[in-house]
């Protein structure tokens, strides 16, 4: 493995760990809690692109479910947040479409997961608003963090 690949792998590992730590921050809402997991995913996708966004998104979603005791959601989170990171990393003229698809992929994946896990239509529909709110919060916080980082001149 070359030096650049090792550095890239190390950066992805740090961003994955940071995203997992952000997921431990719970913001109470009237219907449950929002986490900052999506903040790390969006920052990574904006900073490093689709492939890195998919890796960090999928791994951090997978790991946080393992660590918080939701092993039945691990595969669904891998897919949901992996797709979220992939689409969010689209650049140029496809950026807005990618952001929209990132939200739809995450919310839709968790909707399908609720049905596939046997929670029923009521639970699937009830989870939509919380997932939309978490996605918007992550997009705003991750986007602003990326803009602040870019303006700082660090590269």
C-alpha atoms as a PDB file:
ATOM      1  CA  UNK A   1       0.000   0.000   0.000  1.00  0.00           C
ATOM      2  CA  UNK A   2       1.411   3.346  -1.032  1.00  0.00           C
ATOM      3  CA  UNK A   3       1.912   6.335   1.198  1.00  0.00           C
ATOM      4  CA  UNK A   4      -1.101   8.185  -0.244  1.00  0.00           C
ATOM      5  CA  UNK A   5      -3.379   5.170   0.261  1.00  0.00           C
ATOM      6  CA  UNK A   6      -2.237   4.851   3.858  1.00  0.00           C
ATOM      7  CA  UNK A   7      -2.906   8.538   4.493  1.00  0.00           C
ATOM      8  CA  UNK A   8      -6.337   8.285   2.833  1.00  0.00           C
ATOM      9  CA  UNK A   9      -7.217   5.233   4.926  1.00  0.00           C
ATOM     10  CA  UNK A  10      -6.124   7.027   8.112  1.00  0.00           C
ATOM     11  CA  UNK A  11      -8.234  10.095   7.259  1.00  0.00           C
ATOM     12  CA  UNK A  12     -11.283   7.901   6.594  1.00  0.00           C
ATOM     13  CA  UNK A  13     -10.742   6.074   9.898  1.00  0.00           C
ATOM     14  CA  UNK A  14     -10.565   9.352  11.816  1.00  0.00           C
ATOM     15  CA  UNK A  15     -13.658  10.744  10.088  1.00  0.00           C
ATOM     16  CA  UNK A  16     -15.546   7.498  10.779  1.00  0.00           C
ATOM     17  CA  UNK A  17     -14.562   7.635  14.451  1.00  0.00           C
ATOM     18  CA  UNK A  18     -15.569  11.303  14.632  1.00  0.00           C
ATOM     19  CA  UNK A  19     -18.953  10.519  13.080  1.00  0.00           C
ATOM     20  CA  UNK A  20     -19.527   7.730  15.605  1.00  0.00           C
ATOM     21  CA  UNK A  21     -18.671  10.096  18.465  1.00  0.00           C
ATOM     22  CA  UNK A  22     -21.051  12.710  17.025  1.00  0.00           C
ATOM     23  CA  UNK A  23     -23.808  10.083  17.046  1.00  0.00           C
ATOM     24  CA  UNK A  24     -23.504   9.913  20.831  1.00  0.00           C
ATOM     25  CA  UNK A  25     -24.712  13.521  21.039  1.00  0.00           C
ATOM     26  CA  UNK A  26     -28.478  13.295  21.420  1.00  0.00           C
ATOM     27  CA  UNK A  27     -30.705  16.328  20.960  1.00  0.00           C
ATOM     28  CA  UNK A  28     -34.174  15.831  22.490  1.00  0.00           C
ATOM     29  CA  UNK A  29     -37.275  16.527  20.418  1.00  0.00           C
ATOM     30  CA  UNK A  30     -40.963  16.013  21.196  1.00  0.00           C
ATOM     31  CA  UNK A  31     -40.916  12.693  19.319  1.00  0.00           C
ATOM     32  CA  UNK A  32     -37.519  11.309  20.321  1.00  0.00           C
ATOM     33  CA  UNK A  33     -33.890  12.208  19.810  1.00  0.00           C
ATOM     34  CA  UNK A  34     -31.803  13.516  16.937  1.00  0.00           C
ATOM     35  CA  UNK A  35     -28.116  12.682  16.672  1.00  0.00           C
ATOM     36  CA  UNK A  36     -25.270  14.450  14.922  1.00  0.00           C
ATOM     37  CA  UNK A  37     -24.157  11.348  12.988  1.00  0.00           C
ATOM     38  CA  UNK A  38     -25.244  12.888   9.700  1.00  0.00           C
ATOM     39  CA  UNK A  39     -23.023  15.925  10.346  1.00  0.00           C
ATOM     40  CA  UNK A  40     -19.894  13.797   9.957  1.00  0.00           C
ATOM     41  CA  UNK A  41     -21.309  12.054   6.894  1.00  0.00           C
ATOM     42  CA  UNK A  42     -22.168  15.284   5.090  1.00  0.00           C
ATOM     43  CA  UNK A  43     -18.847  16.909   6.008  1.00  0.00           C
ATOM     44  CA  UNK A  44     -16.933  13.905   4.653  1.00  0.00           C
ATOM     45  CA  UNK A  45     -19.002  13.763   1.476  1.00  0.00           C
ATOM     46  CA  UNK A  46     -18.535  17.465   0.781  1.00  0.00           C
ATOM     47  CA  UNK A  47     -14.834  17.376   1.615  1.00  0.00           C
ATOM     48  CA  UNK A  48     -13.720  14.092   0.037  1.00  0.00           C
ATOM     49  CA  UNK A  49     -16.486  13.128  -2.394  1.00  0.00           C
ATOM     50  CA  UNK A  50     -18.859  10.245  -3.025  1.00  0.00           C
ATOM     51  CA  UNK A  51     -16.685   7.215  -2.365  1.00  0.00           C
ATOM     52  CA  UNK A  52     -15.356   8.510   0.926  1.00  0.00           C
ATOM     53  CA  UNK A  53     -18.802   9.730   1.942  1.00  0.00           C
ATOM     54  CA  UNK A  54     -20.208   6.257   1.289  1.00  0.00           C
ATOM     55  CA  UNK A  55     -17.443   4.563   3.294  1.00  0.00           C
ATOM     56  CA  UNK A  56     -17.685   6.891   6.294  1.00  0.00           C
ATOM     57  CA  UNK A  57     -21.486   6.965   6.167  1.00  0.00           C
ATOM     58  CA  UNK A  58     -21.894   3.211   5.934  1.00  0.00           C
ATOM     59  CA  UNK A  59     -19.272   2.333   8.520  1.00  0.00           C
ATOM     60  CA  UNK A  60     -20.324   4.946  11.057  1.00  0.00           C
ATOM     61  CA  UNK A  61     -24.010   3.993  10.783  1.00  0.00           C
ATOM     62  CA  UNK A  62     -23.099   0.305  11.099  1.00  0.00           C
ATOM     63  CA  UNK A  63     -20.809   0.853  14.093  1.00  0.00           C
ATOM     64  CA  UNK A  64     -23.123   3.155  16.034  1.00  0.00           C
ATOM     65  CA  UNK A  65     -25.922   0.585  15.870  1.00  0.00           C
ATOM     66  CA  UNK A  66     -23.522  -2.052  17.151  1.00  0.00           C
ATOM     67  CA  UNK A  67     -22.298   0.166  19.989  1.00  0.00           C
ATOM     68  CA  UNK A  68     -25.737   1.410  21.049  1.00  0.00           C
ATOM     69  CA  UNK A  69     -27.323  -2.040  21.067  1.00  0.00           C
ATOM     70  CA  UNK A  70     -29.343  -2.030  17.845  1.00  0.00           C
ATOM     71  CA  UNK A  71     -27.703  -4.927  15.965  1.00  0.00           C
ATOM     72  CA  UNK A  72     -30.861  -5.629  13.986  1.00  0.00           C
ATOM     73  CA  UNK A  73     -30.458  -2.206  12.326  1.00  0.00           C
ATOM     74  CA  UNK A  74     -26.747  -2.535  11.466  1.00  0.00           C
ATOM     75  CA  UNK A  75     -27.155  -3.652   7.842  1.00  0.00           C
ATOM     76  CA  UNK A  76     -29.939  -1.150   7.204  1.00  0.00           C
ATOM     77  CA  UNK A  77     -27.829   1.682   8.613  1.00  0.00           C
ATOM     78  CA  UNK A  78     -24.870   0.575   6.503  1.00  0.00           C
ATOM     79  CA  UNK A  79     -27.049   0.897   3.407  1.00  0.00           C
ATOM     80  CA  UNK A  80     -28.972   4.030   4.457  1.00  0.00           C
ATOM     81  CA  UNK A  81     -25.982   6.114   5.519  1.00  0.00           C
ATOM     82  CA  UNK A  82     -23.709   4.672   2.840  1.00  0.00           C
ATOM     83  CA  UNK A  83     -26.139   5.833   0.149  1.00  0.00           C
ATOM     84  CA  UNK A  84     -26.557   9.144   1.962  1.00  0.00           C
ATOM     85  CA  UNK A  85     -22.807   9.752   1.911  1.00  0.00           C
ATOM     86  CA  UNK A  86     -22.473   8.609  -1.698  1.00  0.00           C
ATOM     87  CA  UNK A  87     -25.160  10.911  -3.073  1.00  0.00           C
ATOM     88  CA  UNK A  88     -24.148  13.858  -0.875  1.00  0.00           C
ATOM     89  CA  UNK A  89     -20.654  13.658  -2.349  1.00  0.00           C
ATOM     90  CA  UNK A  90     -21.788  14.483  -5.875  1.00  0.00           C
ATOM     91  CA  UNK A  91     -20.102  17.654  -7.068  1.00  0.00           C
ATOM     92  CA  UNK A  92     -20.710  20.410  -9.583  1.00  0.00           C
ATOM     93  CA  UNK A  93     -24.072  20.630 -11.305  1.00  0.00           C
ATOM     94  CA  UNK A  94     -25.204  17.370  -9.699  1.00  0.00           C
ATOM     95  CA  UNK A  95     -24.682  18.657  -6.122  1.00  0.00           C
ATOM     96  CA  UNK A  96     -28.293  19.723  -5.449  1.00  0.00           C
ATOM     97  CA  UNK A  97     -29.683  16.490  -6.912  1.00  0.00           C
ATOM     98  CA  UNK A  98     -27.191  14.527  -4.828  1.00  0.00           C
ATOM     99  CA  UNK A  99     -28.257  16.285  -1.625  1.00  0.00           C
ATOM    100  CA  UNK A 100     -31.917  15.551  -2.374  1.00  0.00           C
ATOM    101  CA  UNK A 101     -31.164  11.909  -3.174  1.00  0.00           C
ATOM    102  CA  UNK A 102     -29.075  11.629   0.002  1.00  0.00           C
ATOM    103  CA  UNK A 103     -32.064  12.617   2.105  1.00  0.00           C
ATOM    104  CA  UNK A 104     -34.484  10.407   0.192  1.00  0.00           C
ATOM    105  CA  UNK A 105     -32.102   7.443   0.407  1.00  0.00           C
ATOM    106  CA  UNK A 106     -31.642   7.775   4.161  1.00  0.00           C
ATOM    107  CA  UNK A 107     -35.298   8.374   4.999  1.00  0.00           C
ATOM    108  CA  UNK A 108     -36.519   5.761   2.522  1.00  0.00           C
ATOM    109  CA  UNK A 109     -34.063   3.139   3.741  1.00  0.00           C
ATOM    110  CA  UNK A 110     -35.201   3.503   7.335  1.00  0.00           C
ATOM    111  CA  UNK A 111     -38.849   3.439   6.227  1.00  0.00           C
ATOM    112  CA  UNK A 112     -38.180   0.146   4.433  1.00  0.00           C
ATOM    113  CA  UNK A 113     -36.185  -1.155   7.404  1.00  0.00           C
ATOM    114  CA  UNK A 114     -39.133  -0.594   9.754  1.00  0.00           C
ATOM    115  CA  UNK A 115     -41.331  -2.625   7.432  1.00  0.00           C
ATOM    116  CA  UNK A 116     -38.780  -5.389   6.851  1.00  0.00           C
ATOM    117  CA  UNK A 117     -38.078  -5.715  10.565  1.00  0.00           C
ATOM    118  CA  UNK A 118     -41.794  -6.196  11.189  1.00  0.00           C
ATOM    119  CA  UNK A 119     -42.589  -2.955  13.004  1.00  0.00           C
ATOM    120  CA  UNK A 120     -45.491  -2.224  10.648  1.00  0.00           C
ATOM    121  CA  UNK A 121     -46.735   0.683   8.605  1.00  0.00           C
ATOM    122  CA  UNK A 122     -47.505   2.860  11.632  1.00  0.00           C
ATOM    123  CA  UNK A 123     -43.939   2.742  12.898  1.00  0.00           C
ATOM    124  CA  UNK A 124     -42.552   3.239   9.402  1.00  0.00           C
ATOM    125  CA  UNK A 125     -44.650   6.384   8.877  1.00  0.00           C
ATOM    126  CA  UNK A 126     -43.963   7.673  12.386  1.00  0.00           C
ATOM    127  CA  UNK A 127     -40.201   7.521  11.825  1.00  0.00           C
ATOM    128  CA  UNK A 128     -40.226   9.686   8.716  1.00  0.00           C
ATOM    129  CA  UNK A 129     -40.355  13.099  10.436  1.00  0.00           C
ATOM    130  CA  UNK A 130     -37.528  12.317  12.830  1.00  0.00           C
ATOM    131  CA  UNK A 131     -35.341  11.037   9.992  1.00  0.00           C
ATOM    132  CA  UNK A 132     -36.099  14.109   7.877  1.00  0.00           C
ATOM    133  CA  UNK A 133     -35.232  16.378  10.808  1.00  0.00           C
ATOM    134  CA  UNK A 134     -31.990  14.498  11.496  1.00  0.00           C
ATOM    135  CA  UNK A 135     -31.069  14.686   7.822  1.00  0.00           C
ATOM    136  CA  UNK A 136     -31.692  18.449   7.675  1.00  0.00           C
ATOM    137  CA  UNK A 137     -29.764  19.021  10.904  1.00  0.00           C
ATOM    138  CA  UNK A 138     -26.838  16.950   9.607  1.00  0.00           C
ATOM    139  CA  UNK A 139     -26.882  18.718   6.249  1.00  0.00           C
ATOM    140  CA  UNK A 140     -26.855  22.159   7.882  1.00  0.00           C
ATOM    141  CA  UNK A 141     -24.195  21.364  10.490  1.00  0.00           C
ATOM    142  CA  UNK A 142     -22.016  19.343   8.101  1.00  0.00           C
ATOM    143  CA  UNK A 143     -22.369  21.929   5.355  1.00  0.00           C
ATOM    144  CA  UNK A 144     -21.473  24.836   7.614  1.00  0.00           C
ATOM    145  CA  UNK A 145     -18.541  22.893   9.065  1.00  0.00           C
ATOM    146  CA  UNK A 146     -17.272  22.168   5.562  1.00  0.00           C
ATOM    147  CA  UNK A 147     -17.612  25.819   4.533  1.00  0.00           C
ATOM    148  CA  UNK A 148     -15.794  26.965   7.669  1.00  0.00           C
ATOM    149  CA  UNK A 149     -13.012  24.452   7.041  1.00  0.00           C
ATOM    150  CA  UNK A 150     -12.681  25.505   3.405  1.00  0.00           C
ATOM    151  CA  UNK A 151     -12.518  29.194   4.346  1.00  0.00           C
ATOM    152  CA  UNK A 152      -9.846  28.519   6.942  1.00  0.00           C
ATOM    153  CA  UNK A 153      -7.430  27.771   4.116  1.00  0.00           C
ATOM    154  CA  UNK A 154      -6.522  24.310   5.420  1.00  0.00           C
ATOM    155  CA  UNK A 155      -6.009  21.599   2.838  1.00  0.00           C
END
